[in-house]
Amino acid sequence: MTDRIQPRTLKGFRDYLPRVMLAREHIIETARRVFRSFGFSPIDTPALEYLEILLGKGGLETDKQLYRFQDHGGRDVGLRFDLTVPLARFAAQHINELGTPFKRYHIATVWRGENTQAGRYREFMQCDFDTIGTQGAAADAETVLVAHELLRAIGFERFTIHVNNRLVLNGLLESLGLAEQATQVLRAIDKLAKIGADRVVEEMCETAGASADEARRVVEMVELTGTNDEVLTKLRPLVGSSQRGLEGLERLAELWSALHNAGVPEQRVKLDVSIARGLDYYTGTVLETLLDDKREIGSVCSGGRYDNLAELYTKQQLPGIGASLGLDRLIAAMEELGLLPTAQTPSQVFIPYFDAAHLGNYFQLAAVLRTAGLAAEIYPESTKLGKQLQYAARKGIRVAVIAGQREFDSGECQVKNLSTGDSTTVSLAENAAELISEAQRILASTS
């Protein structure tokens, strides 16, 4: 006998059992519906890109996390680490056919060889939406609105979208003479919530060559608190006469005004100067979305404006802005909050097969239910009714339709609520309308 291979998954990767996979698919379907309601069109790109397409686009840390290798043809290739860099390549390659502005969504798997932690894996799925070919403030506002509607449509009420503009931070750095070290400073700021103000000051001094006083002034600015209007007022003297900083403040004021007029509650959007986003390609508006009851899980929907990314592939100006829903991080948060449904099957109605002579009748019943839009499942073997009902309850199916020789002879069946154990006798006449109505009633009462 040969030695058996131990079944196991790679570190940072995971299997998805039906209960979690059903939740994932529900969120993906919800995201598609929301994206399409705003006019975004679907695209797809290869998982593999030429290595030169990916290297240097997300920063040194991202380059370290790239899964890279040579394919059979000896080409240097890499697995995409996000969906934005492939979008920039895609837009540069196809924009003449697509035209601008171009609004796309892309739901696909990406890979990063980073350290694993709660809600973070090395293989994960992103749900991206982006607008290419415009620098207008309307696109910035719409990006935040989509993120807001997306979280609401999934079922969250307690969340906050933290918004900033990198031009504001760049304006302060210009006034401090640190503009050339902006990348190092922004990376340090992006770690503020994780390592604290003192460590961020130390890192800015070490990596950006800032003095302790300059670093503390940067930290002082990014820790400003108050209402959105109050934070905007406090920022004006800090950016001084920097044109970049003043432009960033103007864009933030426009953004907040648009969101306010669109009816987004103020508590749902927070002007947060500490939001920098770690990737190097962001140039303007940036955003991160935190679940208020699970803030330690990190941002579940993040993004920003990247006006220069496509210029690496084309001379044409293709400014863009977008965001990404981190599907697996969101699922991890929902698991910890107890928000995942308990069902392990999409079946809504269960039809026990306990009378071998009536298999055709069971299939007919299932077909009638499916025509009415109900997911119906027939047990695959003729066996004891109790065993079959236990199977249905274990899977989380809520309704059972029970019929044997006696019921088929009388033109009736039993509709059983598997949550309460209650049963009702209904007629099978007139295309089983009474059966369908009773099943729908039970499903509505237990949803």
Protein backbone atom coordinates (compact mmCIF):
# COMPACT_ATOMS: atom_id res chain seq x y z
CA MET A 1 0.00 0.00 0.00
CA THR A 2 1.42 3.40 -0.95
CA ASP A 3 1.81 6.12 1.65
CA ARG A 4 -1.15 8.46 1.67
CA ILE A 5 -0.57 12.18 1.16
CA GLN A 6 -1.64 14.27 4.14
CA PRO A 7 -4.50 16.57 3.04
CA ARG A 8 -3.51 20.14 3.97
CA THR A 9 -3.58 23.69 2.63
CA LEU A 10 -0.66 26.09 2.19
CA LYS A 11 -0.12 28.71 4.89
CA GLY A 12 -2.01 31.86 3.98
CA PHE A 13 -4.50 29.97 1.81
CA ARG A 14 -7.86 28.48 2.79
CA ASP A 15 -10.68 26.23 1.67
CA TYR A 16 -14.21 27.63 1.64
CA LEU A 17 -16.93 25.36 2.97
CA PRO A 18 -20.51 25.86 1.71
CA ARG A 19 -21.64 28.08 4.62
CA VAL A 20 -18.88 30.64 3.98
CA MET A 21 -19.00 30.22 0.22
CA LEU A 22 -22.72 30.99 0.15
CA ALA A 23 -22.02 34.24 2.01
CA ARG A 24 -19.19 35.09 -0.40
CA GLU A 25 -21.39 34.53 -3.42
CA HIS A 26 -24.18 36.62 -1.88
CA ILE A 27 -21.77 39.52 -1.34
CA ILE A 28 -20.39 39.17 -4.88
CA GLU A 29 -23.93 39.23 -6.31
CA THR A 30 -24.74 42.28 -4.16
CA ALA A 31 -21.57 44.06 -5.30
CA ARG A 32 -22.38 43.39 -8.96
CA ARG A 33 -25.88 44.80 -8.49
CA VAL A 34 -24.60 47.96 -6.77
CA PHE A 35 -21.80 48.53 -9.32
CA ARG A 36 -24.20 48.13 -12.24
CA SER A 37 -26.72 50.51 -10.63
CA PHE A 38 -24.07 53.24 -10.90
CA GLY A 39 -23.27 52.36 -14.53
CA PHE A 40 -20.04 50.39 -14.07
CA SER A 41 -19.31 47.69 -16.71
CA PRO A 42 -17.58 44.33 -16.05
CA ILE A 43 -14.10 43.45 -17.34
CA ASP A 44 -11.58 40.69 -16.68
CA THR A 45 -7.79 40.45 -17.08
CA PRO A 46 -5.30 37.54 -16.83
CA ALA A 47 -4.09 36.39 -13.42
CA LEU A 48 -0.53 36.45 -14.85
CA GLU A 49 1.13 39.63 -16.13
CA TYR A 50 4.59 40.33 -17.48
CA LEU A 51 6.72 41.07 -14.44
CA GLU A 52 7.63 44.55 -15.71
CA ILE A 53 3.92 45.45 -15.62
CA LEU A 54 3.75 44.75 -11.87
CA LEU A 55 7.18 45.65 -10.45
CA GLY A 56 7.56 49.06 -8.83
CA LYS A 57 3.89 50.00 -9.04
CA GLY A 58 2.85 49.39 -5.44
CA GLY A 59 6.12 50.15 -3.67
CA LEU A 60 9.09 48.20 -2.34
CA GLU A 61 7.03 46.21 0.15
CA THR A 62 4.58 45.09 -2.53
CA ASP A 63 7.46 44.07 -4.79
CA LYS A 64 8.70 41.80 -1.99
CA GLN A 65 5.26 40.18 -1.75
CA LEU A 66 4.94 39.42 -5.47
CA TYR A 67 4.57 35.81 -6.54
CA ARG A 68 7.00 35.77 -9.49
CA PHE A 69 8.56 33.07 -11.63
CA GLN A 70 9.54 32.13 -15.16
CA ASP A 71 6.92 30.36 -17.26
CA HIS A 72 7.62 27.52 -19.69
CA GLY A 73 8.64 30.01 -22.35
CA GLY A 74 11.27 31.54 -20.06
CA ARG A 75 9.30 34.78 -19.64
CA ASP A 76 9.48 36.66 -16.33
CA VAL A 77 5.89 36.80 -15.05
CA GLY A 78 4.04 37.53 -11.82
CA LEU A 79 0.63 36.95 -10.26
CA ARG A 80 -1.33 40.19 -9.96
CA PHE A 81 -1.18 41.68 -6.44
CA ASP A 82 -4.20 43.93 -6.97
CA LEU A 83 -6.66 44.80 -9.74
CA THR A 84 -5.66 48.44 -10.21
CA VAL A 85 -2.26 47.97 -11.86
CA PRO A 86 -3.72 45.49 -14.38
CA LEU A 87 -6.49 48.06 -15.00
CA ALA A 88 -3.91 50.73 -15.86
CA ARG A 89 -2.31 48.36 -18.36
CA PHE A 90 -5.74 47.36 -19.69
CA ALA A 91 -6.83 50.99 -20.13
CA ALA A 92 -3.62 51.95 -21.92
CA GLN A 93 -4.10 48.99 -24.26
CA HIS A 94 -7.83 49.34 -25.01
CA ILE A 95 -8.92 52.92 -24.20
CA ASN A 96 -9.20 53.99 -27.85
CA GLU A 97 -11.84 51.31 -28.31
CA LEU A 98 -13.56 51.97 -24.97
CA GLY A 99 -13.53 55.79 -24.89
CA THR A 100 -13.51 57.98 -21.80
CA PRO A 101 -14.73 58.30 -19.18
CA PHE A 102 -14.68 54.53 -18.73
CA LYS A 103 -16.32 52.98 -15.65
CA ARG A 104 -15.48 49.39 -14.85
CA TYR A 105 -15.87 46.81 -12.13
CA HIS A 106 -13.71 43.72 -11.72
CA ILE A 107 -14.27 40.90 -9.23
CA ALA A 108 -11.31 38.51 -9.16
CA THR A 109 -8.59 36.79 -7.14
CA VAL A 110 -5.23 38.41 -6.33
CA TRP A 111 -2.11 37.14 -4.55
CA ARG A 112 0.36 38.68 -2.08
CA GLY A 113 3.00 36.76 -0.15
CA GLU A 114 2.50 38.80 3.03
CA ASN A 115 2.38 37.77 6.68
CA THR A 116 -0.98 36.20 7.47
CA GLN A 117 -3.24 37.49 10.23
CA ALA A 118 -6.95 37.70 11.03
CA GLY A 119 -8.84 38.42 7.85
CA ARG A 120 -5.68 38.57 5.70
CA TYR A 121 -4.67 35.78 3.37
CA ARG A 122 -2.10 35.33 0.60
CA GLU A 123 -4.84 34.52 -1.88
CA PHE A 124 -7.92 36.69 -1.67
CA MET A 125 -10.67 38.18 -3.78
CA GLN A 126 -11.21 41.87 -4.48
CA CYS A 127 -14.33 43.59 -5.79
CA ASP A 128 -13.00 46.70 -7.58
CA PHE A 129 -14.77 49.60 -9.26
CA ASP A 130 -12.98 52.47 -11.04
CA THR A 131 -13.58 55.48 -13.27
CA ILE A 132 -10.87 56.20 -15.86
CA GLY A 133 -10.36 59.36 -17.90
CA THR A 134 -11.59 62.17 -15.64
CA GLN A 135 -10.20 64.36 -12.87
CA GLY A 136 -13.63 65.72 -11.98
CA ALA A 137 -14.72 65.96 -8.36
CA ALA A 138 -17.92 64.13 -9.29
CA ALA A 139 -15.97 60.90 -9.81
CA ASP A 140 -14.38 61.26 -6.37
CA ALA A 141 -17.77 61.78 -4.74
CA GLU A 142 -19.32 58.89 -6.64
CA THR A 143 -16.54 56.55 -5.48
CA VAL A 144 -17.41 57.30 -1.86
CA LEU A 145 -21.14 56.99 -2.62
CA VAL A 146 -20.63 53.54 -4.17
CA ALA A 147 -18.64 52.39 -1.12
CA HIS A 148 -21.41 53.72 1.13
CA GLU A 149 -24.19 52.01 -0.84
CA LEU A 150 -22.19 48.78 -1.07
CA LEU A 151 -21.80 48.41 2.71
CA ARG A 152 -25.48 49.27 3.24
CA ALA A 153 -26.62 46.78 0.59
CA ILE A 154 -24.56 44.01 2.20
CA GLY A 155 -26.37 44.72 5.46
CA PHE A 156 -24.06 46.91 7.56
CA GLU A 157 -25.32 50.01 9.33
CA ARG A 158 -22.38 50.76 11.64
CA PHE A 159 -19.42 51.76 9.48
CA THR A 160 -17.36 54.86 8.75
CA ILE A 161 -15.67 55.88 5.51
CA HIS A 162 -12.46 57.73 6.39
CA VAL A 163 -11.49 60.18 3.63
CA ASN A 164 -8.40 62.29 3.00
CA ASN A 165 -6.55 63.89 0.09
CA ARG A 166 -2.83 63.28 -0.41
CA LEU A 167 -2.43 66.81 -1.74
CA VAL A 168 -3.11 68.12 1.78
CA LEU A 169 -0.29 66.02 3.21
CA ASN A 170 1.97 66.96 0.30
CA GLY A 171 1.23 70.63 0.95
CA LEU A 172 2.39 70.34 4.56
CA LEU A 173 5.51 68.47 3.46
CA GLU A 174 6.30 71.24 0.96
CA SER A 175 6.01 73.84 3.71
CA LEU A 176 8.41 71.75 5.85
CA GLY A 177 10.87 71.12 3.02
CA LEU A 178 10.12 67.40 3.00
CA ALA A 179 8.44 67.16 -0.42
CA GLU A 180 11.25 64.99 -1.83
CA GLN A 181 10.76 62.50 1.01
CA ALA A 182 6.96 62.31 0.61
CA THR A 183 6.91 58.56 -0.10
CA GLN A 184 8.80 57.68 3.10
CA VAL A 185 6.68 60.08 5.18
CA LEU A 186 3.39 58.75 3.79
CA ARG A 187 4.42 55.17 4.47
CA ALA A 188 5.21 56.07 8.07
CA ILE A 189 1.87 57.86 8.49
CA ASP A 190 0.05 54.83 7.11
CA LYS A 191 1.31 52.85 10.13
CA LEU A 192 0.02 55.35 12.72
CA ALA A 193 -2.87 53.19 13.95
CA LYS A 194 -0.60 50.13 14.23
CA ILE A 195 2.56 51.50 15.87
CA GLY A 196 1.52 54.81 17.47
CA ALA A 197 2.69 58.42 17.15
CA ASP A 198 6.09 58.06 18.82
CA ARG A 199 7.17 55.20 16.56
CA VAL A 200 5.91 57.07 13.48
CA VAL A 201 8.02 60.10 14.47
CA GLU A 202 11.05 57.83 14.85
CA GLU A 203 10.45 56.21 11.47
CA MET A 204 10.10 59.60 9.72
CA CYS A 205 13.37 60.74 11.25
CA GLU A 206 15.12 57.52 10.19
CA THR A 207 13.74 57.00 6.69
CA ALA A 208 12.84 60.53 5.54
CA GLY A 209 15.56 62.52 7.27
CA ALA A 210 13.01 64.71 9.06
CA SER A 211 13.91 66.47 12.27
CA ALA A 212 12.01 65.46 15.39
CA ASP A 213 10.15 68.81 15.32
CA GLU A 214 9.16 68.39 11.66
CA ALA A 215 7.99 64.82 12.25
CA ARG A 216 5.92 65.90 15.26
CA ARG A 217 4.28 68.67 13.19
CA VAL A 218 3.26 66.10 10.59
CA VAL A 219 1.84 63.81 13.27
CA GLU A 220 0.05 66.76 14.91
CA MET A 221 -1.70 67.50 11.63
CA VAL A 222 -2.75 63.94 10.89
CA GLU A 223 -4.19 63.57 14.39
CA LEU A 224 -6.58 66.53 14.04
CA THR A 225 -10.07 65.78 15.34
CA GLY A 226 -13.50 67.39 15.15
CA THR A 227 -16.36 67.58 12.70
CA ASN A 228 -15.48 67.54 9.01
CA ASP A 229 -15.97 71.32 8.78
CA GLU A 230 -13.85 71.89 11.90
CA VAL A 231 -10.99 69.74 10.56
CA LEU A 232 -11.05 71.63 7.24
CA THR A 233 -10.82 74.93 9.15
CA LYS A 234 -7.88 73.70 11.26
CA LEU A 235 -6.01 72.47 8.19
CA ARG A 236 -5.92 75.79 6.30
CA PRO A 237 -3.18 77.50 8.36
CA LEU A 238 -1.14 74.27 8.46
CA VAL A 239 -0.77 73.95 4.68
CA GLY A 240 0.20 77.64 4.45
CA SER A 241 0.55 78.97 0.92
CA SER A 242 1.21 75.58 -0.68
CA GLN A 243 -0.83 75.40 -3.88
CA ARG A 244 -0.97 71.61 -3.62
CA GLY A 245 -2.25 71.79 -0.07
CA LEU A 246 -4.87 74.42 -0.90
CA GLU A 247 -6.04 72.38 -3.89
CA GLY A 248 -6.38 69.33 -1.66
CA LEU A 249 -8.47 71.30 0.84
CA GLU A 250 -10.70 72.57 -1.97
CA ARG A 251 -11.23 69.03 -3.27
CA LEU A 252 -12.11 67.79 0.23
CA ALA A 253 -14.60 70.64 0.71
CA GLU A 254 -16.21 69.82 -2.67
CA LEU A 255 -16.34 66.15 -1.77
CA TRP A 256 -17.95 66.72 1.60
CA SER A 257 -20.52 69.13 0.12
CA ALA A 258 -21.50 66.62 -2.59
CA LEU A 259 -21.86 63.75 -0.09
CA HIS A 260 -23.87 65.92 2.29
CA ASN A 261 -26.25 66.94 -0.52
CA ALA A 262 -26.54 63.28 -1.59
CA GLY A 263 -27.92 62.49 1.87
CA VAL A 264 -24.95 60.58 3.31
CA PRO A 265 -25.09 60.96 7.13
CA GLU A 266 -22.14 62.91 8.54
CA GLN A 267 -21.29 60.10 10.97
CA ARG A 268 -20.73 57.76 8.00
CA VAL A 269 -17.96 59.90 6.41
CA LYS A 270 -15.03 61.21 8.45
CA LEU A 271 -12.33 63.58 7.24
CA ASP A 272 -9.26 61.78 8.55
CA VAL A 273 -5.87 63.33 7.74
CA SER A 274 -4.08 60.18 8.92
CA ILE A 275 -5.36 58.20 5.93
CA ALA A 276 -2.47 58.01 3.45
CA ARG A 277 -2.79 54.52 1.88
CA GLY A 278 0.48 52.62 1.56
CA LEU A 279 0.60 52.15 -2.21
CA ASP A 280 2.80 54.62 -4.08
CA TYR A 281 0.45 55.31 -6.97
CA TYR A 282 -2.20 57.36 -5.10
CA THR A 283 -2.19 61.09 -5.91
CA GLY A 284 -5.37 62.70 -4.50
CA THR A 285 -8.49 61.52 -2.69
CA VAL A 286 -7.93 58.38 -0.58
CA LEU A 287 -10.44 56.44 1.50
CA GLU A 288 -10.69 53.55 3.95
CA THR A 289 -13.88 52.01 5.35
CA LEU A 290 -13.94 50.63 8.89
CA LEU A 291 -16.67 48.59 10.54
CA ASP A 292 -17.45 50.38 13.79
CA ASP A 293 -17.97 47.13 15.71
CA LYS A 294 -14.86 45.42 14.30
CA ARG A 295 -12.26 48.13 13.77
CA GLU A 296 -9.33 45.80 14.49
CA ILE A 297 -10.11 43.87 11.29
CA GLY A 298 -8.86 46.88 9.28
CA SER A 299 -10.34 48.56 6.24
CA VAL A 300 -12.89 46.51 4.29
CA CYS A 301 -13.24 48.94 1.36
CA SER A 302 -10.30 51.14 0.36
CA GLY A 303 -9.02 53.10 -2.61
CA GLY A 304 -8.26 56.50 -4.01
CA ARG A 305 -7.23 58.63 -6.97
CA TYR A 306 -4.27 57.64 -9.15
CA ASP A 307 -3.76 60.22 -11.88
CA ASN A 308 -0.33 59.10 -13.08
CA LEU A 309 -0.38 55.31 -13.02
CA ALA A 310 -1.34 54.73 -16.68
CA GLU A 311 1.45 57.03 -17.93
CA LEU A 312 3.83 54.12 -17.33
CA TYR A 313 2.19 52.40 -20.29
CA THR A 314 0.98 55.22 -22.55
CA LYS A 315 1.55 58.90 -23.39
CA GLN A 316 -2.19 59.49 -23.13
CA GLN A 317 -3.43 61.12 -19.93
CA LEU A 318 -5.67 58.59 -18.17
CA PRO A 319 -6.43 59.83 -14.65
CA GLY A 320 -8.41 57.41 -12.53
CA ILE A 321 -10.12 56.85 -9.20
CA GLY A 322 -11.61 53.76 -7.64
CA ALA A 323 -11.89 51.53 -4.61
CA SER A 324 -11.88 47.87 -3.71
CA LEU A 325 -14.05 45.81 -1.38
CA GLY A 326 -11.84 43.27 0.41
CA LEU A 327 -14.21 40.32 0.25
CA ASP A 328 -12.31 37.88 2.45
CA ARG A 329 -11.52 40.46 5.12
CA LEU A 330 -15.21 41.36 5.20
CA ILE A 331 -16.17 37.68 5.52
CA ALA A 332 -13.72 37.30 8.43
CA ALA A 333 -15.36 40.26 10.18
CA MET A 334 -18.83 38.83 9.58
CA GLU A 335 -17.71 35.47 11.00
CA GLU A 336 -16.45 37.13 14.18
CA LEU A 337 -19.59 39.26 14.50
CA GLY A 338 -21.85 36.23 14.04
CA LEU A 339 -23.41 37.72 10.91
CA LEU A 340 -22.91 34.78 8.56
CA PRO A 341 -26.09 32.78 7.86
CA THR A 342 -26.16 29.25 9.24
CA ALA A 343 -27.49 27.57 6.07
CA GLN A 344 -25.07 25.20 4.34
CA THR A 345 -27.09 24.92 1.14
CA PRO A 346 -28.97 27.29 -1.17
CA SER A 347 -31.98 24.92 -1.01
CA GLN A 348 -35.11 26.56 0.38
CA VAL A 349 -37.53 23.66 0.08
CA PHE A 350 -36.77 19.99 0.79
CA ILE A 351 -38.73 17.11 -0.77
CA PRO A 352 -38.16 13.80 1.05
CA TYR A 353 -38.02 10.75 -1.23
CA PHE A 354 -39.55 8.03 0.94
CA ASP A 355 -42.04 6.42 -1.43
CA ALA A 356 -40.02 4.74 -4.18
CA ALA A 357 -43.06 4.40 -6.46
CA HIS A 358 -43.48 8.17 -6.75
CA LEU A 359 -40.05 9.44 -7.83
CA GLY A 360 -41.61 11.03 -10.92
CA ASN A 361 -44.15 12.88 -8.76
CA TYR A 362 -41.35 14.24 -6.55
CA PHE A 363 -39.50 15.54 -9.60
CA GLN A 364 -42.72 17.12 -10.81
CA LEU A 365 -43.23 18.86 -7.45
CA ALA A 366 -39.65 20.15 -7.52
CA ALA A 367 -40.10 21.49 -11.05
CA VAL A 368 -43.26 23.39 -10.01
CA LEU A 369 -41.44 24.94 -7.03
CA ARG A 370 -38.42 25.94 -9.14
CA THR A 371 -40.69 27.54 -11.74
CA ALA A 372 -42.04 29.70 -8.89
CA GLY A 373 -38.48 30.79 -8.05
CA LEU A 374 -37.92 28.50 -5.06
CA ALA A 375 -34.74 26.39 -4.80
CA ALA A 376 -35.97 22.82 -4.28
CA GLU A 377 -33.92 19.74 -3.37
CA ILE A 378 -34.96 16.07 -3.53
CA TYR A 379 -33.19 13.54 -1.31
CA PRO A 380 -31.27 11.14 -3.62
CA GLU A 381 -32.27 7.85 -1.92
CA SER A 382 -35.56 6.32 -0.83
CA THR A 383 -35.07 5.84 2.91
CA LYS A 384 -36.72 6.58 6.27
CA LEU A 385 -38.49 9.94 6.47
CA GLY A 386 -36.98 10.84 9.84
CA LYS A 387 -33.42 10.42 8.54
CA GLN A 388 -34.19 12.65 5.56
CA LEU A 389 -35.73 15.41 7.71
CA GLN A 390 -32.68 15.34 9.99
CA TYR A 391 -30.50 15.86 6.90
CA ALA A 392 -32.60 18.86 5.83
CA ALA A 393 -32.51 20.45 9.29
CA ARG A 394 -28.75 19.96 9.53
CA LYS A 395 -28.29 21.76 6.20
CA GLY A 396 -30.43 24.68 7.34
CA ILE A 397 -33.31 24.09 4.89
CA ARG A 398 -36.43 25.74 6.29
CA VAL A 399 -39.35 24.07 4.49
CA ALA A 400 -40.16 20.43 3.74
CA VAL A 401 -42.90 19.21 1.38
CA ILE A 402 -44.00 15.74 2.49
CA ALA A 403 -46.10 13.47 0.28
CA GLY A 404 -46.52 9.73 -0.02
CA GLN A 405 -49.06 7.38 -1.60
CA ARG A 406 -51.94 8.65 0.53
CA GLU A 407 -51.20 12.35 -0.17
CA PHE A 408 -50.81 11.86 -3.92
CA ASP A 409 -54.08 9.89 -4.02
CA SER A 410 -55.92 12.75 -2.24
CA GLY A 411 -54.19 15.52 -4.21
CA GLU A 412 -52.65 17.04 -1.08
CA CYS A 413 -49.30 17.30 0.70
CA GLN A 414 -47.88 18.36 4.05
CA VAL A 415 -45.83 21.59 4.22
CA LYS A 416 -43.59 21.43 7.30
CA ASN A 417 -41.80 24.40 8.92
CA LEU A 418 -38.49 22.79 9.91
CA SER A 419 -37.72 25.63 12.34
CA THR A 420 -40.86 25.16 14.44
CA GLY A 421 -42.00 21.64 13.51
CA ASP A 422 -45.48 22.89 12.53
CA SER A 423 -47.19 21.31 9.51
CA THR A 424 -50.02 22.44 7.24
CA THR A 425 -52.02 20.38 4.75
CA VAL A 426 -52.40 22.09 1.37
CA SER A 427 -53.91 21.20 -1.98
CA LEU A 428 -51.79 20.29 -5.01
CA ALA A 429 -54.52 21.45 -7.41
CA GLU A 430 -54.19 24.38 -9.85
CA ASN A 431 -50.42 24.13 -10.38
CA ALA A 432 -49.83 23.75 -6.63
CA ALA A 433 -50.53 27.45 -6.02
CA GLU A 434 -51.51 26.77 -2.40
CA LEU A 435 -48.28 24.82 -1.81
CA ILE A 436 -46.16 27.62 -3.28
CA SER A 437 -47.97 30.26 -1.22
CA GLU A 438 -47.48 28.33 2.05
CA ALA A 439 -43.77 27.69 1.34
CA GLN A 440 -43.22 31.38 0.57
CA ARG A 441 -45.04 32.35 3.78
CA ILE A 442 -42.80 30.14 5.93
CA LEU A 443 -39.64 31.40 4.21
CA ALA A 444 -40.70 35.02 4.73
CA SER A 445 -41.44 34.40 8.43
CA THR A 446 -38.06 32.76 9.09
CA SER A 447 -35.80 35.07 7.05
